[in-house]
Structures are given as C-alpha cells and as structure tokens.
Amino acid sequence: MSQGPPTPRTPADVSTLLVELGRAVRGLQYYPEGDPTRDELLDRSFQAWQAELARNGPLELEVRRGAFWLGGSDAAVGRGRLDELAREFAARGLHRLRFDPDLEPAALRELAAQLASSGAEPPAATSTGAVSEFLTRLRELEDCGDDARYPDLAAAVTDQALALARSGASDEAYRALLVLSVHAGKGTRRSSAQRAVAHQAVRRMAAEAAVFEDLIDRARVPGSAESVRAAQLLLLIGEEAVRPLLDRLQEETDAEGRGQLSGILIAMSAAGPELVRALEKGSPCRRRLAARLAGESQNPLAVPALGRLLTSPDEELRREAAKALVRIGDGNALRVLAQALDSPVAGVSGLAAFCLGATRRPEAIRPLVAALENAVGQRRSALARETLRALGRLGRSEATPALAALLQRKSVLWRGGLRAVQEAAVAALGHMPGEAAHRVLEAAAQGSDARVREAASRALRQRAQSAGPQA
C-alpha cells in the first residue's frame, strides 16, 4: 500500500529536532567518554530526526542573521530559544545543511561532535566537575530525611541546577525538577515541611525562562513518557504556569503540540482566574483561545465574562463564547444564553437559540418557547424558525403544546411568513416523542394549507421509518 502525501512541515517540527540535537551536543560536552548518558542522548536525537525525515522527506536548513530558518523561506525556527545553537553552527561554517531520509546515526553523531568541540574548555559552570558536583548534591537531597537540613540542600540543588540551565545544560535542570516534584507530591514519604520546600523550589526553578521553555518543549511532544512527566510538572507549578502556557499555545502552529498544551491547561484547576482575565482584557485572538479553553474545561468562573462577549463586534468571538457556554452547561450558563435571546445585536438571538437547542437540557424549553412567541408576535420569521429548529434539536415533548398552538394561528397580513414558521414547527414536531406530537402532525396533515400538509405528511413518514417495523 502506498503512503499518502507528507504532511506540511512546520517550524515547530524542526524546532523539536534541533532541541534534541542541542541536548545531544550538551551531553557530549558535559559527560565523560564512556558515560552511557552520551549514547542515550544521541540515540534519542537520532530517533527524532529519523522519524521526522521519514514522515516529511528531506529537510533543508539555513543559518542566517543568528537564527535557524527553513531552507529557501522566511520561516524562522525556534527564534530566541535556539539562537545559541544557531551561533554554534555559524561559528563552524555550517550555514546551509540538507538532511536526507537515509541519514545514518554516525553522521548525526559526527555533527554533534563537531558542534561540541570548541577547541577550548567549557565555562566552569558547565564543566564536567560542575555537573558531577551537582549530581552528588542531588543524591544527598534524595537521601535527606532531616527537616532541618533539607531546605539548605534544596536551595543548593536549585542554585546549581539554574546555573547549569543558564549555560545550556537543560537535562540537569530537568533532572532536578523531577526529583523535587516527587518530593513535593502527596504520596511521598517526605514530611509536610519537606514537601512545602520542594514545591517552592520547583516553582522557583520554573520562573527561570530557560527552564520553563525547556519544560514546555518536553511537554508538547505527544506519545512519550517524558511528555507525561513534563505535563505533570506543569500541573504542579500551577497558577504561575498558566500565562506562559497561554503565550506558548497562542504561538504554537503544530496541531499535536497545540493539543498537548491545550490538554495541560484544561487539566489545570488554577487556570480559571487567568482565563477570565484573558476573556476580559486580552487581544481578540487571546480571547478566542481563552473562550475555547474555558468551555473545554467547563469552568463556571468564566460564565459572566463569556456572557459579555456574546455582544462583541467580533462574530467569531461571539461564536466561541456561545459554544463555551454550551459546554459549561450549568444553570448560570443557560440563563446567560436565555437572556441573549432578547439581544438587540444582530445575529445574537439566533445564535443563542441555536446554542440552547444544542444543550439538550429541559431547562432550555421555557426560554425558547417564550422567545418563539416573541418572534412570532414581532413577525420575525427567521428568528422564529431558528428557535423552532432549536426546539426540534431538544426533542422534548414538553414543547408540543406551544407548537400545536402555533399551527392554529391565522394571519391575513403575515400569511407567507406565518406559513414558513408553521412548516418549521411541523419539522420540529417530527423530532418530538410521544402520542401528543403524533396527533398534532396527523391533524396538520389534514389541514387547509397545502405546504403545511405536505410538511406534516413528510414528518409522519420520517417518524414511521424511525420507529421501524412493528412486532
């Protein structure tokens, strides 16, 4: 079987590859010959490159203006986050590169070795000795059961990890985060005092931009144990992680990356206040993103702000706010949608009617029936039909009497508009269960208006087909 066409490669895809390559380069710089960590990092990097090249074909990469760019384009890759690695490429005369699907492990290893060899000793903060000292201190922290000594050890580990992160040793900072997060967990053997210290150390480390960006890079790649652990760390960090995660999600172009980051934010109970702030004061793009996340997380705190967005001049934002209210679906959300049925803003009443029908909640019947009566009274045919479609989607027999009464109405001045509304009422009755709706349709099928009769007959046939053969 032939494979389908490759998916378009994005800068985010390439950024992930370069992050892995950068980790392998740091591993060659920091770990001595014979340390298995070197091979682990190189192997992980090669697997990432191999999978991407097999999926999307050859990759051409350029290094110019101190950053990476997709070959022959103006698409920057990892601007800011990968600039240091780009400078290392440029310093070795590597300005244009092509990676083919038949890339061999030895070729990638040779590239990493070339980037790792600078002809000079690495800075003291990133020397093998500094890494060794950090690992020794980390083991001491793991073995420490003394509440009095633990805070000093945690502070020393945090200081060393941050220094390593600033010099590019992101794996060591991540290692410290993992250890501290285990200590901060409720299921650990640690005392409450140690858990509190560990939690504060995690938050302090995450406040460092280099550490947090690396953590997001690990969390955004689906399908690995590392991404799960990184996501758990972000959840542990809590409220301080919400705004940077929103910033990164707003920039993310890769669909899988967006899904991963969205899932983390949806799982964050601490995200509510920041989402509300984004709904109230963010840019239109930020507001749409916050509305979607508020709905998917079913966050009731967002209901008032979402209600105010229903009158926004931004039509797309109105739709996102309305969909979010449907997903939240509590009593307050339904009341906000019901109030919007009377909105003077064009299109809002119909949107609110549609969304109330989508809730499938019996509480939506009363406001929809009231809105139907108002729309008919004001001869607003389009709104009346939209409201009837919403009642049809609800499919609740409690609305049958109101629709039966509508079919009995007469109007000389609004005959054409009323007929269209009555046809919509017949269609809605076709979705309503019970003998009462069936009897109303049978009566309409014998009525005086030919179009209403045909609509009723059609609804009766559809009901019979849905019911299936009788036993």
Protein backbone atom coordinates (compact mmCIF):
# COMPACT_ATOMS: atom_id res chain seq x y z
CA MET A 1 0.00 0.00 0.00
CA SER A 2 1.42 3.39 -0.95
CA GLN A 3 1.78 6.07 1.68
CA GLY A 4 -0.20 9.28 1.49
CA PRO A 5 1.44 12.61 0.80
CA PRO A 6 3.64 14.01 3.58
CA THR A 7 2.09 16.50 5.95
CA PRO A 8 3.40 20.07 5.63
CA ARG A 9 6.48 20.54 7.77
CA THR A 10 6.22 23.39 10.26
CA PRO A 11 8.91 25.41 12.06
CA ALA A 12 7.68 23.78 15.29
CA ASP A 13 8.53 20.32 13.88
CA VAL A 14 12.08 21.41 13.09
CA SER A 15 12.42 23.22 16.43
CA THR A 16 11.77 19.93 18.21
CA LEU A 17 14.54 18.24 16.22
CA LEU A 18 17.05 20.99 16.97
CA VAL A 19 16.21 20.95 20.67
CA GLU A 20 17.01 17.22 20.72
CA LEU A 21 20.24 17.82 18.79
CA GLY A 22 21.19 20.58 21.25
CA ARG A 23 20.71 18.20 24.17
CA ALA A 24 22.95 15.64 22.49
CA VAL A 25 25.62 18.31 21.94
CA ARG A 26 25.49 19.32 25.60
CA GLY A 27 25.72 15.67 26.57
CA LEU A 28 28.97 15.30 24.62
CA GLN A 29 30.31 18.42 26.32
CA TYR A 30 29.32 17.61 29.89
CA TYR A 31 29.56 13.82 30.23
CA PRO A 32 32.91 11.98 30.05
CA GLU A 33 33.70 9.29 27.49
CA GLY A 34 32.09 6.01 28.49
CA ASP A 35 29.17 7.61 30.31
CA PRO A 36 26.00 5.90 28.97
CA THR A 37 24.13 9.21 29.10
CA ARG A 38 26.03 10.37 26.00
CA ASP A 39 24.73 7.46 23.94
CA GLU A 40 21.20 7.84 25.32
CA LEU A 41 21.01 11.48 24.26
CA LEU A 42 22.48 10.77 20.82
CA ASP A 43 20.13 7.85 20.26
CA ARG A 44 17.08 9.89 21.29
CA SER A 45 18.10 12.69 18.95
CA PHE A 46 18.64 10.29 16.04
CA GLN A 47 15.24 8.63 16.55
CA ALA A 48 13.52 12.04 16.45
CA TRP A 49 15.36 13.04 13.24
CA GLN A 50 14.76 9.67 11.61
CA ALA A 51 11.02 9.77 12.30
CA GLU A 52 10.58 13.33 11.00
CA LEU A 53 12.63 12.77 7.83
CA ALA A 54 10.76 9.54 7.07
CA ARG A 55 7.44 11.34 7.56
CA ASN A 56 8.10 14.56 5.66
CA GLY A 57 11.13 13.95 3.46
CA PRO A 58 14.42 15.87 3.15
CA LEU A 59 14.98 18.92 5.31
CA GLU A 60 16.95 21.95 4.18
CA LEU A 61 18.08 24.28 6.92
CA GLU A 62 19.81 27.66 6.80
CA VAL A 63 21.63 29.62 9.48
CA ARG A 64 21.47 33.36 8.92
CA ARG A 65 21.07 36.50 10.99
CA GLY A 66 21.91 34.49 14.10
CA ALA A 67 18.97 32.10 13.81
CA PHE A 68 17.71 28.97 12.05
CA TRP A 69 15.44 29.24 9.01
CA LEU A 70 13.69 26.68 6.83
CA GLY A 71 15.66 26.46 3.60
CA GLY A 72 14.64 28.95 0.93
CA SER A 73 11.96 30.59 3.10
CA ASP A 74 11.38 33.33 5.62
CA ALA A 75 10.11 30.84 8.24
CA ALA A 76 12.25 31.20 11.37
CA VAL A 77 12.78 28.15 13.56
CA GLY A 78 12.88 28.46 17.35
CA ARG A 79 13.75 32.16 17.24
CA GLY A 80 15.15 33.11 20.65
CA ARG A 81 15.14 29.59 22.09
CA LEU A 82 17.63 28.12 19.61
CA ASP A 83 19.76 31.15 18.79
CA GLU A 84 22.73 29.89 20.84
CA LEU A 85 22.79 26.62 18.90
CA ALA A 86 22.49 28.60 15.65
CA ARG A 87 25.57 30.62 16.63
CA GLU A 88 27.47 27.38 17.22
CA PHE A 89 26.54 26.22 13.71
CA ALA A 90 27.65 29.54 12.22
CA ALA A 91 30.95 29.55 14.15
CA ARG A 92 31.85 26.27 12.43
CA GLY A 93 30.88 27.48 8.96
CA LEU A 94 27.64 25.47 8.88
CA HIS A 95 25.29 27.87 7.11
CA ARG A 96 23.35 25.59 4.74
CA LEU A 97 22.55 21.96 5.53
CA ARG A 98 20.44 19.22 4.00
CA PHE A 99 19.24 16.20 5.96
CA ASP A 100 18.01 13.23 3.89
CA PRO A 101 15.74 10.37 4.99
CA ASP A 102 18.68 7.94 4.75
CA LEU A 103 20.54 9.86 7.48
CA GLU A 104 22.87 7.49 9.34
CA PRO A 105 23.42 7.55 13.13
CA ALA A 106 27.15 8.04 12.56
CA ALA A 107 26.52 11.21 10.50
CA LEU A 108 24.38 12.80 13.21
CA ARG A 109 26.94 11.77 15.85
CA GLU A 110 29.70 13.40 13.80
CA LEU A 111 27.66 16.63 13.52
CA ALA A 112 27.02 16.66 17.28
CA ALA A 113 30.71 16.01 17.98
CA GLN A 114 31.71 18.85 15.66
CA LEU A 115 29.36 21.23 17.46
CA ALA A 116 30.53 20.03 20.88
CA SER A 117 34.24 20.54 20.14
CA SER A 118 35.05 24.22 20.57
CA GLY A 119 38.81 23.92 20.97
CA ALA A 120 38.55 25.41 24.46
CA GLU A 121 37.44 24.26 27.84
CA PRO A 122 33.75 24.82 28.59
CA PRO A 123 32.92 27.50 31.15
CA ALA A 124 33.38 26.50 34.76
CA ALA A 125 29.63 26.44 35.39
CA THR A 126 29.21 23.82 32.65
CA SER A 127 32.31 21.74 33.24
CA THR A 128 32.19 18.04 33.95
CA GLY A 129 33.21 18.84 37.51
CA ALA A 130 30.23 21.15 37.98
CA VAL A 131 27.85 18.50 36.69
CA SER A 132 29.45 15.87 38.92
CA GLU A 133 29.16 18.14 41.96
CA PHE A 134 25.52 18.84 41.12
CA LEU A 135 24.70 15.13 40.84
CA THR A 136 26.38 14.45 44.17
CA ARG A 137 24.32 17.18 45.85
CA LEU A 138 21.16 15.85 44.20
CA ARG A 139 21.82 12.37 45.62
CA GLU A 140 22.31 13.92 49.06
CA LEU A 141 18.92 15.60 48.70
CA GLU A 142 17.35 12.27 47.74
CA ASP A 143 18.76 10.63 50.88
CA CYS A 144 17.99 13.50 53.25
CA GLY A 145 15.38 12.82 55.90
CA ASP A 146 16.32 15.71 58.18
CA ASP A 147 13.79 18.57 58.11
CA ALA A 148 16.42 20.99 59.40
CA ARG A 149 18.99 20.15 56.70
CA TYR A 150 16.62 19.67 53.78
CA PRO A 151 15.96 23.38 52.99
CA ASP A 152 19.68 24.17 52.62
CA LEU A 153 20.23 21.15 50.38
CA ALA A 154 17.19 22.02 48.27
CA ALA A 155 18.41 25.61 47.88
CA ALA A 156 21.89 24.43 46.85
CA VAL A 157 20.49 21.95 44.30
CA THR A 158 18.22 24.65 42.90
CA ASP A 159 21.07 27.17 42.59
CA GLN A 160 23.30 24.65 40.82
CA ALA A 161 20.52 23.47 38.51
CA LEU A 162 19.68 27.04 37.49
CA ALA A 163 23.35 27.81 36.80
CA LEU A 164 23.57 24.71 34.61
CA ALA A 165 20.35 25.61 32.80
CA ARG A 166 21.64 29.10 32.01
CA SER A 167 24.73 27.57 30.43
CA GLY A 168 22.67 25.15 28.33
CA ALA A 169 22.60 22.01 30.49
CA SER A 170 18.82 21.71 30.37
CA ASP A 171 18.83 17.97 31.09
CA GLU A 172 20.35 18.54 34.54
CA ALA A 173 17.80 21.22 35.42
CA TYR A 174 15.05 18.88 34.28
CA ARG A 175 16.53 16.09 36.43
CA ALA A 176 16.37 18.37 39.47
CA LEU A 177 12.77 19.30 38.67
CA LEU A 178 11.79 15.64 38.51
CA VAL A 179 13.38 14.84 41.89
CA LEU A 180 11.89 17.89 43.58
CA SER A 181 8.44 17.24 42.11
CA VAL A 182 8.48 13.70 43.54
CA HIS A 183 9.41 15.15 46.93
CA ALA A 184 6.57 17.67 46.65
CA GLY A 185 3.96 15.01 45.85
CA LYS A 186 1.36 13.96 48.41
CA GLY A 187 2.16 10.27 48.03
CA THR A 188 5.80 10.66 49.04
CA ARG A 189 7.37 9.63 52.34
CA ARG A 190 8.55 13.20 52.82
CA SER A 191 7.31 15.28 55.71
CA SER A 192 4.90 18.14 55.09
CA ALA A 193 7.75 20.59 55.74
CA GLN A 194 9.95 18.97 53.09
CA ARG A 195 7.07 18.80 50.62
CA ALA A 196 6.48 22.53 51.03
CA VAL A 197 10.18 23.32 50.50
CA ALA A 198 10.32 21.07 47.41
CA HIS A 199 7.21 22.65 45.94
CA GLN A 200 8.65 26.13 46.39
CA ALA A 201 11.93 25.01 44.77
CA VAL A 202 10.03 23.68 41.73
CA ARG A 203 8.23 26.99 41.33
CA ARG A 204 11.48 28.93 41.72
CA MET A 205 13.15 26.87 39.00
CA ALA A 206 10.18 27.21 36.68
CA ALA A 207 10.40 31.00 36.99
CA GLU A 208 13.66 30.78 35.00
CA ALA A 209 12.77 31.28 31.34
CA ALA A 210 15.26 28.72 30.04
CA VAL A 211 13.92 26.04 32.39
CA PHE A 212 10.29 26.76 31.65
CA GLU A 213 10.75 26.84 27.86
CA ASP A 214 12.60 23.52 28.03
CA LEU A 215 9.80 22.06 30.14
CA ILE A 216 7.19 23.14 27.58
CA ASP A 217 9.32 21.70 24.76
CA ARG A 218 9.26 18.34 26.53
CA ALA A 219 5.53 18.51 27.35
CA ARG A 220 4.37 19.47 23.85
CA VAL A 221 5.62 16.30 22.12
CA PRO A 222 2.92 13.61 22.41
CA GLY A 223 3.35 9.89 22.89
CA SER A 224 6.28 9.72 25.29
CA ALA A 225 6.72 9.09 28.99
CA GLU A 226 8.80 12.27 29.14
CA SER A 227 5.91 14.40 27.88
CA VAL A 228 3.66 12.94 30.59
CA ARG A 229 6.20 13.72 33.31
CA ALA A 230 6.73 17.25 31.96
CA ALA A 231 2.97 17.84 31.89
CA GLN A 232 2.71 16.67 35.49
CA LEU A 233 5.41 19.16 36.43
CA LEU A 234 3.49 21.99 34.79
CA LEU A 235 0.38 20.98 36.72
CA LEU A 236 2.39 21.02 39.94
CA ILE A 237 3.69 24.52 39.19
CA GLY A 238 0.08 25.63 38.91
CA GLU A 239 -1.03 29.23 38.57
CA GLU A 240 2.39 30.66 37.61
CA ALA A 241 2.47 28.33 34.61
CA VAL A 242 -0.86 29.41 33.14
CA ARG A 243 0.07 32.69 31.45
CA PRO A 244 3.33 31.41 29.88
CA LEU A 245 1.46 28.32 28.66
CA LEU A 246 -1.19 30.53 27.07
CA ASP A 247 1.57 32.59 25.42
CA ARG A 248 3.20 29.48 24.00
CA LEU A 249 -0.12 27.96 22.92
CA GLN A 250 -1.01 31.16 21.08
CA GLU A 251 2.24 30.87 19.09
CA GLU A 252 2.09 27.10 18.54
CA THR A 253 1.47 26.10 14.92
CA ASP A 254 1.79 22.34 15.20
CA ALA A 255 -1.59 20.61 15.70
CA GLU A 256 -0.25 17.93 18.03
CA GLY A 257 1.67 20.49 20.06
CA ARG A 258 -1.47 22.61 20.38
CA GLY A 259 -3.40 19.57 21.53
CA GLN A 260 -0.84 18.72 24.18
CA LEU A 261 -0.61 22.25 25.60
CA SER A 262 -4.40 22.71 25.49
CA GLY A 263 -4.83 19.46 27.42
CA ILE A 264 -2.48 20.67 30.14
CA LEU A 265 -4.31 23.98 30.51
CA ILE A 266 -7.70 22.25 30.56
CA ALA A 267 -6.48 19.98 33.35
CA MET A 268 -5.28 22.94 35.44
CA SER A 269 -7.78 23.92 38.09
CA ALA A 270 -5.64 27.01 38.69
CA ALA A 271 -6.19 28.24 35.12
CA GLY A 272 -9.62 29.78 35.81
CA PRO A 273 -8.62 33.29 37.01
CA GLU A 274 -6.11 33.75 34.18
CA LEU A 275 -8.64 32.60 31.60
CA VAL A 276 -11.15 35.12 32.93
CA ARG A 277 -8.52 37.90 32.71
CA ALA A 278 -7.78 36.89 29.12
CA LEU A 279 -11.51 36.96 28.28
CA GLU A 280 -11.86 40.45 29.72
CA LYS A 281 -8.63 42.16 28.65
CA GLY A 282 -6.87 40.02 26.04
CA SER A 283 -6.45 40.58 22.34
CA PRO A 284 -9.20 39.13 20.10
CA CYS A 285 -7.00 36.09 19.39
CA ARG A 286 -6.28 35.61 23.10
CA ARG A 287 -9.97 35.95 23.95
CA ARG A 288 -10.98 33.32 21.40
CA LEU A 289 -8.36 30.95 22.77
CA ALA A 290 -9.45 31.60 26.36
CA ALA A 291 -13.11 31.08 25.45
CA ARG A 292 -12.36 27.72 23.86
CA LEU A 293 -10.31 26.58 26.87
CA ALA A 294 -12.93 27.82 29.33
CA GLY A 295 -15.56 25.77 27.52
CA GLU A 296 -13.45 22.63 27.20
CA SER A 297 -12.54 22.80 30.90
CA GLN A 298 -16.21 23.56 31.78
CA ASN A 299 -15.05 26.39 34.01
CA PRO A 300 -18.06 28.08 35.67
CA LEU A 301 -15.95 31.09 36.72
CA ALA A 302 -15.87 32.18 33.07
CA VAL A 303 -19.65 32.38 32.58
CA PRO A 304 -20.13 36.14 33.30
CA ALA A 305 -17.22 37.12 31.04
CA LEU A 306 -18.42 34.79 28.28
CA GLY A 307 -21.88 36.31 28.53
CA ARG A 308 -20.46 39.78 27.94
CA LEU A 309 -18.62 38.52 24.86
CA LEU A 310 -21.92 37.48 23.28
CA THR A 311 -22.38 41.11 22.23
CA SER A 312 -18.83 41.51 20.91
CA PRO A 313 -18.50 43.04 17.43
CA ASP A 314 -16.20 40.08 16.63
CA GLU A 315 -18.57 37.46 15.19
CA GLU A 316 -16.08 34.61 15.59
CA LEU A 317 -15.52 35.57 19.23
CA ARG A 318 -19.30 35.55 19.81
CA ARG A 319 -19.50 32.02 18.43
CA GLU A 320 -16.62 30.80 20.61
CA ALA A 321 -18.23 32.36 23.69
CA ALA A 322 -21.59 30.78 22.90
CA LYS A 323 -20.04 27.34 22.30
CA ALA A 324 -18.17 27.65 25.60
CA LEU A 325 -21.41 28.40 27.45
CA VAL A 326 -22.98 25.28 25.92
CA ARG A 327 -20.05 23.15 27.07
CA ILE A 328 -20.17 24.59 30.58
CA GLY A 329 -23.90 23.94 30.59
CA ASP A 330 -24.71 24.79 34.21
CA GLY A 331 -27.71 26.83 35.30
CA ASN A 332 -25.86 30.14 35.06
CA ALA A 333 -24.66 29.38 31.54
CA LEU A 334 -28.19 28.54 30.43
CA ARG A 335 -29.54 31.75 31.97
CA VAL A 336 -26.93 33.81 30.11
CA LEU A 337 -27.92 32.18 26.81
CA ALA A 338 -31.60 32.69 27.60
CA GLN A 339 -31.02 36.40 28.28
CA ALA A 340 -29.22 36.66 24.93
CA LEU A 341 -32.42 35.60 23.16
CA ASP A 342 -33.59 39.21 23.61
CA SER A 343 -30.32 40.79 22.45
CA PRO A 344 -30.67 43.76 20.09
CA VAL A 345 -27.32 42.89 18.48
CA ALA A 346 -27.86 41.37 15.03
CA GLY A 347 -27.39 37.62 14.95
CA VAL A 348 -27.08 37.12 18.71
CA SER A 349 -30.66 35.97 19.29
CA GLY A 350 -30.39 33.28 16.63
CA LEU A 351 -27.00 32.18 17.96
CA ALA A 352 -28.40 31.92 21.49
CA ALA A 353 -31.39 29.90 20.24
CA PHE A 354 -29.13 27.51 18.35
CA CYS A 355 -26.90 27.02 21.40
CA LEU A 356 -29.80 26.45 23.78
CA GLY A 357 -31.00 23.71 21.47
CA ALA A 358 -27.53 22.19 21.48
CA THR A 359 -27.53 21.92 25.29
CA ARG A 360 -30.15 19.11 25.16
CA ARG A 361 -31.29 20.36 28.56
CA PRO A 362 -35.00 20.52 29.54
CA GLU A 363 -34.36 23.88 31.24
CA ALA A 364 -33.92 25.37 27.76
CA ILE A 365 -37.54 24.72 26.76
CA ARG A 366 -39.21 27.58 28.64
CA PRO A 367 -36.94 30.41 27.37
CA LEU A 368 -37.07 29.03 23.83
CA VAL A 369 -40.86 28.87 23.85
CA ALA A 370 -41.02 32.42 25.20
CA ALA A 371 -38.57 33.57 22.51
CA LEU A 372 -40.68 31.82 19.88
CA GLU A 373 -43.82 33.65 20.99
CA ASN A 374 -41.99 36.98 20.92
CA ALA A 375 -40.54 36.34 17.49
CA VAL A 376 -43.94 35.37 16.06
CA GLY A 377 -45.57 38.37 17.72
CA GLN A 378 -42.95 40.65 16.16
CA ARG A 379 -43.20 38.82 12.79
CA ARG A 380 -39.52 37.91 12.87
CA SER A 381 -39.74 34.83 10.69
CA ALA A 382 -36.03 33.97 10.57
CA LEU A 383 -35.64 34.08 14.37
CA ALA A 384 -38.85 32.09 14.87
CA ARG A 385 -37.58 29.37 12.51
CA GLU A 386 -34.20 29.23 14.23
CA THR A 387 -35.94 28.90 17.59
CA LEU A 388 -38.11 26.09 16.23
CA ARG A 389 -35.04 24.27 14.93
CA ALA A 390 -33.56 24.58 18.42
CA LEU A 391 -36.72 23.08 19.95
CA GLY A 392 -36.51 20.28 17.40
CA ARG A 393 -32.93 19.54 18.43
CA LEU A 394 -34.02 19.41 22.06
CA GLY A 395 -36.63 16.82 21.08
CA ARG A 396 -38.66 17.27 24.28
CA SER A 397 -42.38 16.55 24.36
CA GLU A 398 -42.96 19.43 26.79
CA ALA A 399 -42.77 21.85 23.85
CA THR A 400 -45.59 20.12 21.92
CA PRO A 401 -48.48 22.30 23.24
CA ALA A 402 -46.76 25.54 22.20
CA LEU A 403 -46.14 24.21 18.68
CA ALA A 404 -49.72 22.90 18.40
CA ALA A 405 -51.00 26.37 19.30
CA LEU A 406 -48.72 27.91 16.68
CA LEU A 407 -50.23 25.67 13.98
CA GLN A 408 -53.69 27.02 14.86
CA ARG A 409 -52.71 30.66 14.33
CA LYS A 410 -54.14 32.66 11.41
CA SER A 411 -52.88 35.87 9.85
CA VAL A 412 -54.03 37.76 6.82
CA LEU A 413 -51.20 40.33 6.85
CA TRP A 414 -48.39 37.84 7.58
CA ARG A 415 -49.64 34.80 5.71
CA GLY A 416 -46.40 33.96 3.87
CA GLY A 417 -44.18 34.45 6.90
CA LEU A 418 -46.52 32.50 9.17
CA ARG A 419 -46.69 29.60 6.71
CA ALA A 420 -42.86 29.33 6.71
CA VAL A 421 -42.88 29.35 10.53
CA GLN A 422 -45.59 26.70 10.66
CA GLU A 423 -43.63 24.48 8.27
CA ALA A 424 -40.67 24.78 10.65
CA ALA A 425 -42.97 23.94 13.57
CA VAL A 426 -44.12 20.77 11.79
CA ALA A 427 -40.47 19.78 11.18
CA ALA A 428 -39.69 20.33 14.88
CA LEU A 429 -42.70 18.20 15.91
CA GLY A 430 -41.27 15.40 13.81
CA HIS A 431 -38.38 15.16 16.31
CA MET A 432 -40.58 15.18 19.41
CA PRO A 433 -41.56 11.91 21.07
CA GLY A 434 -45.00 10.92 22.28
CA GLU A 435 -48.55 10.47 21.06
CA ALA A 436 -49.41 14.14 21.52
CA ALA A 437 -46.90 15.23 18.86
CA HIS A 438 -48.10 12.45 16.56
CA ARG A 439 -51.74 13.58 16.86
CA VAL A 440 -50.80 17.20 16.14
CA LEU A 441 -48.97 16.09 12.99
CA GLU A 442 -51.92 13.98 11.86
CA ALA A 443 -54.22 16.98 12.26
CA ALA A 444 -51.78 19.21 10.35
CA ALA A 445 -51.62 16.63 7.53
CA GLN A 446 -55.40 17.17 7.07
CA GLY A 447 -55.27 20.97 7.32
CA SER A 448 -56.16 23.61 4.74
CA ASP A 449 -52.64 24.80 3.81
CA ALA A 450 -51.09 22.57 1.14
CA ARG A 451 -47.45 23.27 2.08
CA VAL A 452 -48.06 22.64 5.77
CA ARG A 453 -49.98 19.45 4.87
CA GLU A 454 -47.04 18.19 2.81
CA ALA A 455 -44.57 19.05 5.56
CA ALA A 456 -46.70 17.20 8.13
CA SER A 457 -47.05 14.14 5.88
CA ARG A 458 -43.30 14.09 5.37
CA ALA A 459 -42.70 14.30 9.14
CA LEU A 460 -45.13 11.43 9.74
CA ARG A 461 -43.34 9.26 7.18
CA GLN A 462 -39.99 10.00 8.80
CA ARG A 463 -41.38 9.11 12.23
CA ALA A 464 -42.70 5.83 10.86
CA GLN A 465 -39.32 4.99 9.30
CA SER A 466 -37.52 5.84 12.55
CA ALA A 467 -39.90 3.65 14.56
CA GLY A 468 -39.15 0.67 12.28
CA PRO A 469 -41.40 -2.37 11.65
CA GLN A 470 -43.90 -3.16 14.39
CA ALA A 471 -43.69 -6.56 16.10
